[in-house]
């Protein structure tokens, strides 16, 4: 079977003669910066050499009169790029080169597991149209011979990707292939966030702002909510913050989470339920990391505070002028576990020496933490005041003083989890909870 481009022993599911190109082969990439009219003789010779050495990609059912799909394989890593006969050879080369660079950065430098390959020992990438995120990996099957689950995968890259879009697309594909090799049962939202953090670290190209904008526009959602791919990719910001704050070396945190959360290959579903999650590992590893008595709750609060200064700006639940009289606010969107609400209160118009009274209430079965942030006019945090309350309390209060010279106060309310059970990224639906906030400006 040498020289055959086969993602699995049985091929991808859903293939049929008419829809082969759309459903069987998931495409990788378009040329980064080189148009068809600028192909060189050297590139053509290189393609011819690599193709002659690596054979062709098969179709399950070859349409009459069509030429077989060709494959170009890397001489540096066990990966190949498969494309239809109409695809320019330079296109395959550029995608292969981008994927080689991503493989070098992720596997050779950061030390993440290599994507698990099929029986012929090659990880195949397919050129396709409209691939979400530009590049992704897809699970083919689980390795039947291992004690812990390892997923065999193949990748697809959008053929329209160019330049930096191609670089980040290739990095996403390799990072997701690595995730599927190490922890294939990772919930979708968590897996997208983790692999995106590694992909961003592996390339100097900036990722699209769309993902971060989606993430910042709905801060009340659970951090690893996978119902929106853009939101889930934006949640890479959480793992970037964790990595920068706690990891001993860049990119070390996510592979460590994968290594410490293996899933048993047993067919018994209870074995999957009993395994530790990434958040169990974080809860144990980061106990006492921020203070002698800190827990994972303080980690969630720490990230929510950092998120208040991130770009693009976080969406405020309320944006208010100085409260010359008492005002009672209700949460416009309830807050899910690990999510947060942000309330901005301007200091403009407050008399010198004025204070602010804040009283918070929230629903039963939610554990909430509140922090008051003082910002200057340049957007820098001058001080943060943590509001103390018993662990299972449903109310707290604070009087803010020393407000002269500040621009605004931002209240951050973080849902750190349920009073009834620990947080699980595999839960899928997380119960949100509402809150009430009373604010009043007080005379000196």
Protein backbone atom coordinates (compact mmCIF):
# COMPACT_ATOMS: atom_id res chain seq x y z
CA UNK A 1 0.00 0.00 0.00
CA UNK A 2 2.98 2.33 -0.26
CA UNK A 3 2.16 5.62 -1.88
CA UNK A 4 -1.56 5.41 -1.09
CA UNK A 5 -3.22 8.40 0.54
CA UNK A 6 -5.70 6.72 2.88
CA UNK A 7 -6.99 8.42 6.02
CA UNK A 8 -8.25 5.09 7.36
CA UNK A 9 -8.51 1.46 6.44
CA UNK A 10 -12.08 2.01 5.25
CA UNK A 11 -11.76 5.62 4.06
CA UNK A 12 -13.71 8.61 5.39
CA UNK A 13 -17.41 8.13 5.90
CA UNK A 14 -20.06 9.47 3.58
CA UNK A 15 -18.15 9.08 0.32
CA UNK A 16 -19.96 8.50 -2.93
CA UNK A 17 -19.10 8.93 -6.62
CA UNK A 18 -20.74 12.31 -7.20
CA UNK A 19 -19.70 13.91 -3.94
CA UNK A 20 -16.22 12.52 -3.55
CA UNK A 21 -14.42 15.85 -3.67
CA UNK A 22 -16.88 17.43 -1.25
CA UNK A 23 -17.25 14.72 1.36
CA UNK A 24 -14.27 12.38 1.21
CA UNK A 25 -11.31 14.69 0.80
CA UNK A 26 -10.90 17.54 3.20
CA UNK A 27 -8.61 20.01 1.69
CA UNK A 28 -5.56 21.71 2.79
CA UNK A 29 -4.49 24.77 1.56
CA UNK A 30 -3.94 27.46 -1.03
CA UNK A 31 -0.67 28.91 -2.11
CA UNK A 32 0.73 31.54 0.25
CA UNK A 33 1.73 34.43 -1.86
CA UNK A 34 2.43 32.69 -5.19
CA UNK A 35 -0.11 32.88 -8.01
CA UNK A 36 -0.55 30.27 -10.70
CA UNK A 37 1.08 32.59 -13.21
CA UNK A 38 4.32 32.72 -11.21
CA UNK A 39 5.14 29.05 -10.82
CA UNK A 40 8.80 28.43 -11.40
CA UNK A 41 10.61 25.62 -13.13
CA UNK A 42 12.25 24.71 -9.83
CA UNK A 43 8.84 24.33 -8.17
CA UNK A 44 7.56 22.18 -11.02
CA UNK A 45 10.62 19.94 -10.83
CA UNK A 46 10.23 19.62 -7.06
CA UNK A 47 6.57 18.64 -7.38
CA UNK A 48 7.38 16.07 -10.06
CA UNK A 49 10.10 14.53 -7.91
CA UNK A 50 7.95 14.34 -4.78
CA UNK A 51 4.95 12.97 -6.65
CA UNK A 52 6.99 10.28 -8.36
CA UNK A 53 8.37 9.22 -5.00
CA UNK A 54 5.08 9.08 -3.10
CA UNK A 55 2.42 7.81 -5.49
CA UNK A 56 -1.19 8.93 -5.75
CA UNK A 57 -4.20 9.44 -3.50
CA UNK A 58 -6.98 6.92 -4.09
CA UNK A 59 -10.67 7.52 -4.61
CA UNK A 60 -13.08 4.97 -3.26
CA UNK A 61 -14.96 5.07 -6.55
CA UNK A 62 -13.19 6.73 -9.46
CA UNK A 63 -15.59 8.72 -11.66
CA UNK A 64 -15.28 7.63 -15.31
CA UNK A 65 -12.59 9.51 -17.17
CA UNK A 66 -11.21 11.32 -14.11
CA UNK A 67 -7.56 11.31 -13.16
CA UNK A 68 -6.56 10.04 -9.72
CA UNK A 69 -5.82 12.46 -6.91
CA UNK A 70 -2.12 13.08 -6.46
CA UNK A 71 -0.07 13.32 -3.31
CA UNK A 72 3.00 15.34 -2.38
CA UNK A 73 4.82 14.16 0.75
CA UNK A 74 7.25 15.95 2.98
CA UNK A 75 10.86 14.83 3.17
CA UNK A 76 11.09 16.22 6.73
CA UNK A 77 8.00 14.84 8.47
CA UNK A 78 5.55 11.95 7.96
CA UNK A 79 2.86 14.06 6.30
CA UNK A 80 1.41 14.34 2.79
CA UNK A 81 -0.80 16.79 0.93
CA UNK A 82 -3.49 15.35 -1.33
CA UNK A 83 -5.15 17.37 -4.08
CA UNK A 84 -7.39 16.94 -7.10
CA UNK A 85 -5.80 16.77 -10.55
CA UNK A 86 -6.81 20.39 -11.26
CA UNK A 87 -4.89 21.74 -8.25
CA UNK A 88 -1.59 23.46 -9.09
CA UNK A 89 1.46 21.62 -7.84
CA UNK A 90 2.76 24.86 -6.31
CA UNK A 91 -0.38 24.95 -4.16
CA UNK A 92 0.44 21.57 -2.66
CA UNK A 93 4.05 22.61 -2.06
CA UNK A 94 3.12 25.76 -0.17
CA UNK A 95 0.65 23.92 2.01
CA UNK A 96 3.20 21.20 2.69
CA UNK A 97 5.85 23.79 3.58
CA UNK A 98 3.46 25.63 5.92
CA UNK A 99 2.55 22.36 7.61
CA UNK A 100 6.23 21.44 7.93
CA UNK A 101 6.80 24.72 9.75
CA UNK A 102 3.84 24.12 12.04
CA UNK A 103 5.05 20.56 12.76
CA UNK A 104 8.53 21.88 13.59
CA UNK A 105 7.16 24.47 16.00
CA UNK A 106 4.58 22.28 17.71
CA UNK A 107 6.13 18.81 17.76
CA UNK A 108 9.87 19.49 17.61
CA UNK A 109 10.03 22.69 19.69
CA UNK A 110 7.00 22.72 22.00
CA UNK A 111 7.03 18.94 22.37
CA UNK A 112 3.35 18.21 21.75
CA UNK A 113 2.50 14.68 20.59
CA UNK A 114 2.71 14.13 16.85
CA UNK A 115 -0.64 13.52 15.11
CA UNK A 116 -1.41 9.81 15.02
CA UNK A 117 -1.04 8.42 11.52
CA UNK A 118 -2.78 5.65 9.62
CA UNK A 119 -1.43 2.19 8.92
CA UNK A 120 0.88 3.39 6.17
CA UNK A 121 2.59 5.85 8.50
CA UNK A 122 1.58 9.11 6.81
CA UNK A 123 -0.62 11.92 8.15
CA UNK A 124 -2.68 13.13 5.20
CA UNK A 125 -3.94 16.63 4.56
CA UNK A 126 -6.70 17.27 2.02
CA UNK A 127 -7.44 20.42 0.06
CA UNK A 128 -11.08 21.49 0.47
CA UNK A 129 -13.44 24.45 0.36
CA UNK A 130 -14.74 26.59 3.23
CA UNK A 131 -12.99 24.80 6.09
CA UNK A 132 -14.00 26.28 9.45
CA UNK A 133 -11.05 28.12 10.92
CA UNK A 134 -9.03 27.49 7.76
CA UNK A 135 -7.59 24.21 9.03
CA UNK A 136 -8.78 21.36 11.20
CA UNK A 137 -8.15 17.73 12.00
CA UNK A 138 -10.82 15.05 12.00
CA UNK A 139 -10.90 11.80 13.92
CA UNK A 140 -10.91 8.67 11.78
CA UNK A 141 -10.72 5.91 14.40
CA UNK A 142 -9.31 5.04 17.78
CA UNK A 143 -6.21 2.89 17.96
CA UNK A 144 -7.50 -0.53 19.08
CA UNK A 145 -4.14 -1.67 20.49
CA UNK A 146 -3.54 0.96 23.18
CA UNK A 147 -4.53 0.96 26.84
CA UNK A 148 -5.49 4.63 26.68
CA UNK A 149 -7.34 6.19 23.80
CA UNK A 150 -5.29 7.50 20.89
CA UNK A 151 -7.04 8.88 17.84
CA UNK A 152 -5.92 8.41 14.24
CA UNK A 153 -6.78 11.53 12.25
CA UNK A 154 -6.42 13.34 8.97
CA UNK A 155 -6.58 17.07 8.26
CA UNK A 156 -8.23 19.55 5.95
CA UNK A 157 -7.11 23.05 5.01
CA UNK A 158 -9.05 25.66 3.09
CA UNK A 159 -7.54 26.09 -0.34
CA UNK A 160 -8.32 29.84 -0.26
CA UNK A 161 -5.92 30.43 2.66
CA UNK A 162 -2.96 32.63 1.80
CA UNK A 163 0.00 34.05 3.69
CA UNK A 164 -0.60 34.30 7.43
CA UNK A 165 -4.04 32.74 7.04
CA UNK A 166 -2.34 29.61 5.70
CA UNK A 167 0.25 29.59 8.48
CA UNK A 168 -2.39 29.70 11.24
CA UNK A 169 -4.59 27.20 9.34
CA UNK A 170 -1.73 24.69 9.17
CA UNK A 171 -0.90 25.24 12.84
CA UNK A 172 -4.54 24.66 13.80
CA UNK A 173 -4.62 21.41 11.82
CA UNK A 174 -1.45 20.05 13.43
CA UNK A 175 -2.48 21.16 16.94
CA UNK A 176 -5.88 19.50 16.60
CA UNK A 177 -4.26 16.36 15.22
CA UNK A 178 -2.02 16.34 18.29
CA UNK A 179 -5.04 16.70 20.57
CA UNK A 180 -6.80 13.80 18.88
CA UNK A 181 -3.68 11.68 19.28
CA UNK A 182 -3.30 12.45 22.99
CA UNK A 183 -6.84 13.01 24.28
CA UNK A 184 -9.45 12.26 21.60
CA UNK A 185 -12.39 12.33 24.04
CA UNK A 186 -11.75 15.95 25.02
CA UNK A 187 -15.05 17.93 24.84
CA UNK A 188 -15.31 20.02 21.68
CA UNK A 189 -15.21 23.47 23.27
CA UNK A 190 -12.27 22.63 25.51
CA UNK A 191 -10.38 20.99 22.65
CA UNK A 192 -10.82 23.96 20.31
CA UNK A 193 -9.62 26.39 22.99
CA UNK A 194 -6.58 24.29 23.92
CA UNK A 195 -5.48 23.58 20.35
CA UNK A 196 -5.99 27.22 19.36
CA UNK A 197 -3.68 28.35 22.15
CA UNK A 198 -0.94 26.09 20.81
CA UNK A 199 -1.58 27.12 17.19
CA UNK A 200 -1.22 30.79 18.07
CA UNK A 201 1.99 30.08 19.91
CA UNK A 202 3.41 28.13 16.96
CA UNK A 203 3.19 30.93 14.40
CA UNK A 204 4.16 34.62 14.44
CA UNK A 205 0.98 35.40 12.52
CA UNK A 206 -1.87 36.95 14.45
CA UNK A 207 -5.09 34.97 14.53
CA UNK A 208 -8.30 36.54 13.27
CA UNK A 209 -9.90 39.02 15.67
CA UNK A 210 -13.30 37.45 15.00
CA UNK A 211 -12.74 34.69 17.56
CA UNK A 212 -11.61 37.04 20.33
CA UNK A 213 -14.45 39.45 19.52
CA UNK A 214 -16.97 36.59 19.83
CA UNK A 215 -15.41 35.55 23.14
CA UNK A 216 -15.40 39.07 24.60
CA UNK A 217 -18.95 39.79 23.44
CA UNK A 218 -20.43 37.09 25.68
CA UNK A 219 -18.42 37.00 28.91
CA UNK A 220 -21.29 35.39 30.81
CA UNK A 221 -20.88 32.10 28.90
CA UNK A 222 -18.91 29.17 30.24
CA UNK A 223 -15.26 29.46 29.17
CA UNK A 224 -15.29 26.16 27.29
CA UNK A 225 -18.73 26.43 25.69
CA UNK A 226 -18.33 24.72 22.32
CA UNK A 227 -21.66 25.68 20.76
CA UNK A 228 -19.91 28.46 18.79
CA UNK A 229 -16.54 27.59 17.17
CA UNK A 230 -15.52 31.26 17.13
CA UNK A 231 -16.26 31.63 20.84
CA UNK A 232 -14.39 28.40 21.60
CA UNK A 233 -11.31 29.55 19.66
CA UNK A 234 -11.49 32.89 21.46
CA UNK A 235 -11.42 31.00 24.75
CA UNK A 236 -7.79 30.21 23.92
CA UNK A 237 -7.23 33.49 25.79
CA UNK A 238 -7.91 31.60 29.04
CA UNK A 239 -5.22 29.02 28.30
CA UNK A 240 -2.83 31.72 27.09
CA UNK A 241 -3.30 33.47 30.44
CA UNK A 242 -2.83 30.21 32.35
CA UNK A 243 0.30 29.40 30.34
CA UNK A 244 1.81 32.86 30.83
CA UNK A 245 0.94 32.95 34.55
CA UNK A 246 1.74 29.44 35.73
CA UNK A 247 3.66 27.36 33.14
CA UNK A 248 7.42 26.90 33.52
CA UNK A 249 7.96 27.25 29.78
CA UNK A 250 5.81 28.55 26.89
CA UNK A 251 3.31 26.01 25.63
CA UNK A 252 3.93 23.54 28.44
CA UNK A 253 0.55 23.74 30.16
CA UNK A 254 -1.84 22.31 27.55
CA UNK A 255 0.26 19.20 26.66
CA UNK A 256 0.60 18.57 30.39
CA UNK A 257 -3.19 18.67 30.76
CA UNK A 258 -3.52 16.15 27.93
CA UNK A 259 -0.93 13.85 29.50
CA UNK A 260 -2.67 13.97 32.89
CA UNK A 261 -6.20 13.36 31.58
CA UNK A 262 -5.93 10.14 29.55
CA UNK A 263 -9.14 8.32 28.75
CA UNK A 264 -9.29 4.57 29.14
CA UNK A 265 -9.80 2.64 25.91
CA UNK A 266 -12.28 0.40 27.72
CA UNK A 267 -15.66 0.07 26.03
CA UNK A 268 -17.27 0.61 29.43
CA UNK A 269 -18.72 4.14 29.35
CA UNK A 270 -18.28 4.45 33.12
CA UNK A 271 -14.51 4.44 32.57
CA UNK A 272 -14.87 7.66 30.59
CA UNK A 273 -17.05 9.23 33.28
CA UNK A 274 -14.57 8.44 36.06
CA UNK A 275 -11.53 10.03 34.46
CA UNK A 276 -10.06 13.30 35.61
CA UNK A 277 -10.81 16.41 33.55
CA UNK A 278 -8.48 19.27 32.69
CA UNK A 279 -10.18 21.34 35.39
CA UNK A 280 -9.58 18.62 37.99
CA UNK A 281 -5.88 18.79 37.10
CA UNK A 282 -5.92 22.60 37.32
CA UNK A 283 -7.71 22.48 40.67
CA UNK A 284 -5.04 20.18 42.13
CA UNK A 285 -2.00 21.73 40.45
CA UNK A 286 -2.88 25.37 41.10
CA UNK A 287 -4.00 25.01 44.71
CA UNK A 288 -2.09 27.70 46.60
CA UNK A 289 -0.57 29.14 43.41
CA UNK A 290 -1.98 32.66 43.83
CA UNK A 291 -2.03 32.74 47.64
CA UNK A 292 -1.45 30.27 50.43
CA UNK A 293 -5.16 29.40 50.61
CA UNK A 294 -6.13 30.02 46.97
CA UNK A 295 -8.10 27.49 44.94
CA UNK A 296 -9.32 27.17 41.37
CA UNK A 297 -11.95 29.79 42.28
CA UNK A 298 -9.22 32.42 42.53
CA UNK A 299 -7.84 31.30 39.17
CA UNK A 300 -11.22 31.95 37.52
CA UNK A 301 -11.38 35.33 39.26
CA UNK A 302 -7.84 36.20 38.20
CA UNK A 303 -8.62 35.52 34.56
CA UNK A 304 -11.89 37.48 34.73
CA UNK A 305 -9.97 40.47 36.08
CA UNK A 306 -7.37 40.19 33.29
CA UNK A 307 -10.18 39.90 30.74
CA UNK A 308 -11.48 43.33 31.78
CA UNK A 309 -8.33 44.89 30.25
CA UNK A 310 -8.10 42.68 27.16
CA UNK A 311 -8.70 43.72 23.56
CA UNK A 312 -11.24 43.89 22.06
CA UNK A 313 -13.07 45.30 25.11
CA UNK A 314 -15.32 43.01 27.05
CA UNK A 315 -19.08 43.54 26.71
CA UNK A 316 -20.50 45.32 29.78
CA UNK A 317 -23.76 44.18 31.31
CA UNK A 318 -24.29 47.81 32.41
CA UNK A 319 -22.46 51.05 31.55
CA UNK A 320 -23.55 53.74 34.00
CA UNK A 321 -22.88 57.34 35.02
CA UNK A 322 -21.99 58.24 38.60
CA UNK A 323 -24.95 57.16 40.80
CA UNK A 324 -26.17 60.34 42.48
CA UNK A 325 -28.98 58.25 43.96
CA UNK A 326 -29.38 54.57 44.71
CA UNK A 327 -29.91 52.33 41.70
CA UNK A 328 -30.80 48.66 41.63
CA UNK A 329 -29.55 46.66 38.65
CA UNK A 330 -30.50 43.20 37.47
CA UNK A 331 -28.31 40.92 35.37
CA UNK A 332 -29.45 41.27 31.72
CA UNK A 333 -27.81 37.89 31.04
CA UNK A 334 -27.40 35.27 33.78
CA UNK A 335 -23.87 34.03 34.37
CA UNK A 336 -22.84 30.43 33.70
CA UNK A 337 -20.08 28.67 35.70
CA UNK A 338 -16.62 30.15 34.90
CA UNK A 339 -18.31 33.13 33.18
CA UNK A 340 -18.44 36.70 34.47
CA UNK A 341 -20.50 39.91 34.34
CA UNK A 342 -18.92 43.36 34.02
CA UNK A 343 -20.53 46.59 35.21
CA UNK A 344 -18.84 49.91 34.40
CA UNK A 345 -19.55 52.98 36.55
CA UNK A 346 -18.12 56.35 35.53
CA UNK A 347 -16.52 58.59 38.17
CA UNK A 348 -17.21 61.75 36.16
CA UNK A 349 -19.40 64.17 38.11
CA UNK A 350 -18.58 62.69 41.51
CA UNK A 351 -17.69 65.30 44.17
CA UNK A 352 -14.19 65.18 45.72
CA UNK A 353 -13.96 62.60 48.46
CA UNK A 354 -17.14 60.80 47.33
CA UNK A 355 -17.57 57.14 48.12
CA UNK A 356 -19.64 54.38 46.56
CA UNK A 357 -21.79 51.78 48.27
CA UNK A 358 -22.26 48.44 46.50
CA UNK A 359 -24.53 45.60 47.58
CA UNK A 360 -24.58 42.34 45.61
CA UNK A 361 -27.09 39.48 45.72
CA UNK A 362 -27.23 36.33 43.61
CA UNK A 363 -29.26 33.16 43.23
CA UNK A 364 -28.98 30.05 45.35
CA UNK A 365 -26.75 27.18 44.14
CA UNK A 366 -24.24 29.58 42.58
CA UNK A 367 -20.91 30.52 44.13
CA UNK A 368 -20.01 34.04 43.07
CA UNK A 369 -16.97 36.21 43.68
CA UNK A 370 -16.95 39.98 43.20
CA UNK A 371 -14.04 42.32 42.51
CA UNK A 372 -14.02 46.13 42.19
CA UNK A 373 -11.46 47.49 39.71
CA UNK A 374 -10.33 51.13 39.70
CA UNK A 375 -9.24 52.33 36.24
CA UNK A 376 -7.43 55.49 35.21
CA UNK A 377 -8.13 57.39 32.01
CA UNK A 378 -5.56 55.36 30.04
CA UNK A 379 -7.25 52.07 30.83
CA UNK A 380 -4.74 50.89 33.44
CA UNK A 381 -5.97 49.16 36.61
CA UNK A 382 -4.98 51.28 39.61
CA UNK A 383 -6.33 48.91 42.25
CA UNK A 384 -8.47 45.83 42.67
CA UNK A 385 -10.56 45.23 45.76
CA UNK A 386 -11.89 41.73 46.37
CA UNK A 387 -15.28 41.59 48.08
CA UNK A 388 -15.25 38.97 50.81
CA UNK A 389 -18.17 36.69 51.58
CA UNK A 390 -18.66 33.14 52.95
CA UNK A 391 -18.31 30.36 50.38
CA UNK A 392 -22.03 29.54 50.11
CA UNK A 393 -23.35 33.03 50.77
CA UNK A 394 -25.75 34.71 48.36
CA UNK A 395 -24.96 38.32 49.19
CA UNK A 396 -22.04 40.64 49.84
CA UNK A 397 -21.42 44.37 50.30
CA UNK A 398 -18.60 46.89 49.96
CA UNK A 399 -18.05 50.64 50.40
CA UNK A 400 -15.44 51.96 47.98
CA UNK A 401 -13.28 54.83 49.12
CA UNK A 402 -10.23 56.62 47.68
CA UNK A 403 -11.91 57.29 44.34
CA UNK A 404 -10.42 60.71 43.63
CA UNK A 405 -8.29 60.73 40.49
CA UNK A 406 -9.79 57.60 38.94
CA UNK A 407 -11.71 57.47 35.67
CA UNK A 408 -14.16 54.64 36.39
CA UNK A 409 -14.98 51.62 38.49
CA UNK A 410 -15.63 48.23 36.93
CA UNK A 411 -17.39 45.61 39.02
CA UNK A 412 -16.62 42.02 38.03
CA UNK A 413 -18.96 39.27 39.18
CA UNK A 414 -17.59 35.76 38.54
CA UNK A 415 -19.60 32.55 38.78
CA UNK A 416 -16.94 30.16 40.09
CA UNK A 417 -19.22 27.12 40.06
CA UNK A 418 -22.13 25.32 41.62
CA UNK A 419 -22.59 24.68 45.33
CA UNK A 420 -23.73 21.15 44.45
CA UNK A 421 -20.98 19.70 42.23
CA UNK A 422 -17.59 20.48 40.73
CA UNK A 423 -17.26 22.03 37.31
CA UNK A 424 -17.00 19.63 34.36
CA UNK A 425 -16.20 20.73 30.78
CA UNK A 426 -18.06 17.66 29.50
CA UNK A 427 -21.37 18.72 31.04
CA UNK A 428 -22.44 20.46 27.84
CA UNK A 429 -25.18 22.57 29.42
CA UNK A 430 -24.28 24.67 32.44
CA UNK A 431 -26.94 26.30 34.59
CA UNK A 432 -26.60 30.10 34.62
CA UNK A 433 -27.55 32.27 37.58
CA UNK A 434 -28.74 35.84 37.92
CA UNK A 435 -27.67 38.62 40.27
CA UNK A 436 -28.80 41.99 41.63
CA UNK A 437 -26.48 44.93 42.25
CA UNK A 438 -27.39 48.06 44.21
CA UNK A 439 -25.09 51.07 43.80
CA UNK A 440 -25.20 54.50 45.40
CA UNK A 441 -22.81 57.45 45.48
CA UNK A 442 -22.16 58.67 49.01
CA UNK A 443 -21.17 62.17 50.06
CA UNK A 444 -17.72 62.65 51.65
